[in-house]
Amino acid sequence: MRSAPSSRGEGLDECVLGKAFGENWTLDARYPAELPGLAFLQRWTQLVFVTIVLTKPRQQQLVPAQGLDSAFQAATAWPSAVRVDSFACLADYELACQQEAERRLREGGLSALCKSAAEQSERYRRAAESLVG
């Protein structure tokens, strides 16, 4: 089993990444088209793909900016109105998150970025729960 380096200096299990990659590709095929959120799921799947590829050493096909773009595209495809903090739509929240992440990374490094990501993901989780009820 080969391990790729991670941002925390730990190894990433290639077997786990490979399985995640495969599951990611089949997820949108299994999602019922009649349920809301298919466009969001397809764009989210693209984001996961970009993220997994970026963990690979010496990958050259993608750059991190493509992940940011994929995240924004997924947020714009959210199937319903959602309020996150003071934001009236998920796309506006995503842009604010990206700007905050860039600021935190510059000012506090990876540890500050990880803390920010944990806070932001909790808000995303609550938004997703409101979609499924």
Protein backbone atom coordinates (compact mmCIF):
# COMPACT_ATOMS: atom_id res chain seq x y z
CA MET A 1 0.00 0.00 0.00
CA ARG A 2 1.45 3.36 -1.06
CA SER A 3 0.71 6.49 0.90
CA ALA A 4 0.57 9.96 -0.54
CA PRO A 5 1.60 12.91 1.65
CA SER A 6 -1.14 14.95 3.25
CA SER A 7 -1.29 18.48 4.60
CA ARG A 8 -0.75 17.19 8.14
CA GLY A 9 2.32 15.17 7.23
CA GLU A 10 0.44 11.88 7.51
CA GLY A 11 -0.01 9.38 4.73
CA LEU A 12 -3.18 9.00 2.69
CA ASP A 13 -4.23 5.40 2.14
CA GLU A 14 -4.23 4.80 -1.62
CA CYS A 15 -6.72 1.93 -1.26
CA VAL A 16 -9.22 4.16 0.53
CA LEU A 17 -8.74 6.90 -2.06
CA GLY A 18 -9.25 4.40 -4.88
CA LYS A 19 -12.48 3.12 -3.35
CA ALA A 20 -13.72 6.68 -2.76
CA PHE A 21 -12.93 7.51 -6.36
CA GLY A 22 -14.99 4.53 -7.62
CA GLU A 23 -17.92 5.22 -5.31
CA ASN A 24 -17.89 8.85 -6.30
CA TRP A 25 -18.30 8.01 -9.99
CA THR A 26 -21.28 5.71 -9.41
CA LEU A 27 -23.10 7.88 -6.89
CA ASP A 28 -24.88 10.20 -9.33
CA ALA A 29 -25.92 7.23 -11.50
CA ARG A 30 -27.75 5.75 -8.49
CA TYR A 31 -29.39 9.03 -7.45
CA PRO A 32 -33.07 9.08 -8.50
CA ALA A 33 -33.59 11.75 -11.17
CA GLU A 34 -37.00 12.65 -9.75
CA LEU A 35 -35.53 13.78 -6.43
CA PRO A 36 -34.37 17.38 -6.05
CA GLY A 37 -30.67 17.98 -6.09
CA LEU A 38 -29.40 15.89 -9.01
CA ALA A 39 -27.55 18.85 -10.59
CA PHE A 40 -26.02 19.68 -7.21
CA LEU A 41 -24.94 16.07 -6.72
CA GLN A 42 -23.35 15.92 -10.17
CA ARG A 43 -21.36 19.09 -9.52
CA TRP A 44 -20.46 17.89 -6.02
CA THR A 45 -19.23 14.64 -7.58
CA GLN A 46 -16.95 16.71 -9.81
CA LEU A 47 -15.60 18.51 -6.73
CA VAL A 48 -14.82 15.20 -5.04
CA PHE A 49 -13.07 14.00 -8.21
CA VAL A 50 -10.91 17.13 -8.35
CA THR A 51 -10.07 16.79 -4.65
CA ILE A 52 -9.04 13.15 -5.00
CA VAL A 53 -6.89 13.85 -8.06
CA LEU A 54 -5.17 16.72 -6.24
CA THR A 55 -4.00 14.28 -3.53
CA LYS A 56 -1.95 12.40 -6.10
CA PRO A 57 1.75 13.17 -6.17
CA ARG A 58 2.94 14.86 -9.34
CA GLN A 59 -0.55 15.21 -10.77
CA GLN A 60 -0.57 17.76 -13.54
CA GLN A 61 -4.07 17.53 -14.97
CA LEU A 62 -5.80 19.71 -12.39
CA VAL A 63 -5.00 22.73 -10.25
CA PRO A 64 -6.54 23.72 -6.89
CA ALA A 65 -8.45 26.60 -8.52
CA GLN A 66 -10.53 23.99 -10.36
CA GLY A 67 -11.64 22.66 -6.98
CA LEU A 68 -12.75 26.13 -5.94
CA ASP A 69 -14.67 26.51 -9.19
CA SER A 70 -16.28 23.09 -8.72
CA ALA A 71 -17.37 24.04 -5.19
CA PHE A 72 -18.93 27.26 -6.47
CA GLN A 73 -20.70 25.43 -9.32
CA ALA A 74 -22.12 22.91 -6.83
CA ALA A 75 -23.37 25.72 -4.59
CA THR A 76 -25.09 27.43 -7.52
CA ALA A 77 -26.89 24.16 -8.32
CA TRP A 78 -28.40 23.81 -4.84
CA PRO A 79 -32.05 22.90 -5.55
CA SER A 80 -33.81 25.17 -3.11
CA ALA A 81 -33.54 28.51 -1.37
CA VAL A 82 -31.41 28.18 1.73
CA ARG A 83 -30.29 30.68 4.31
CA VAL A 84 -26.83 30.19 5.78
CA ASP A 85 -26.01 32.74 8.44
CA SER A 86 -26.61 36.13 6.80
CA PHE A 87 -26.47 34.72 3.25
CA ALA A 88 -29.67 34.26 1.27
CA CYS A 89 -28.20 31.66 -1.11
CA LEU A 90 -25.60 28.94 -0.94
CA ALA A 91 -23.52 30.37 -3.82
CA ASP A 92 -22.97 33.63 -1.92
CA TYR A 93 -21.99 31.66 1.17
CA GLU A 94 -19.53 29.55 -0.85
CA LEU A 95 -17.81 32.63 -2.27
CA ALA A 96 -17.51 34.12 1.21
CA CYS A 97 -16.06 30.81 2.48
CA GLN A 98 -13.46 30.78 -0.28
CA GLN A 99 -12.41 34.35 0.49
CA GLU A 100 -12.23 33.59 4.22
CA ALA A 101 -10.19 30.44 3.56
CA GLU A 102 -7.68 32.38 1.49
CA ARG A 103 -7.36 35.03 4.21
CA ARG A 104 -6.95 32.45 6.99
CA LEU A 105 -4.35 30.50 5.04
CA ARG A 106 -2.30 33.66 4.45
CA GLU A 107 -2.56 34.83 8.06
CA GLY A 108 -2.50 31.61 10.05
CA GLY A 109 -1.30 28.79 7.81
CA LEU A 110 -2.82 25.34 7.42
CA SER A 111 -3.98 25.00 11.02
CA ALA A 112 -6.10 28.17 10.72
CA LEU A 113 -7.43 26.96 7.37
CA CYS A 114 -8.41 23.57 8.85
CA LYS A 115 -10.24 25.27 11.73
CA SER A 116 -12.12 27.50 9.28
CA ALA A 117 -13.03 24.51 7.09
CA ALA A 118 -14.45 22.66 10.10
CA GLU A 119 -16.65 25.63 10.99
CA GLN A 120 -17.83 26.10 7.42
CA SER A 121 -18.57 22.41 6.89
CA GLU A 122 -20.86 22.40 9.93
CA ARG A 123 -22.95 25.14 8.31
CA TYR A 124 -23.03 23.17 5.05
CA ARG A 125 -24.17 20.09 6.96
CA ARG A 126 -27.08 22.00 8.48
CA ALA A 127 -28.06 23.30 5.04
CA ALA A 128 -28.02 19.75 3.65
CA GLU A 129 -30.16 18.54 6.55
CA SER A 130 -32.75 21.20 5.72
CA LEU A 131 -32.92 19.85 2.16
CA VAL A 132 -33.65 16.27 3.19
CA GLY A 133 -35.81 17.22 6.17
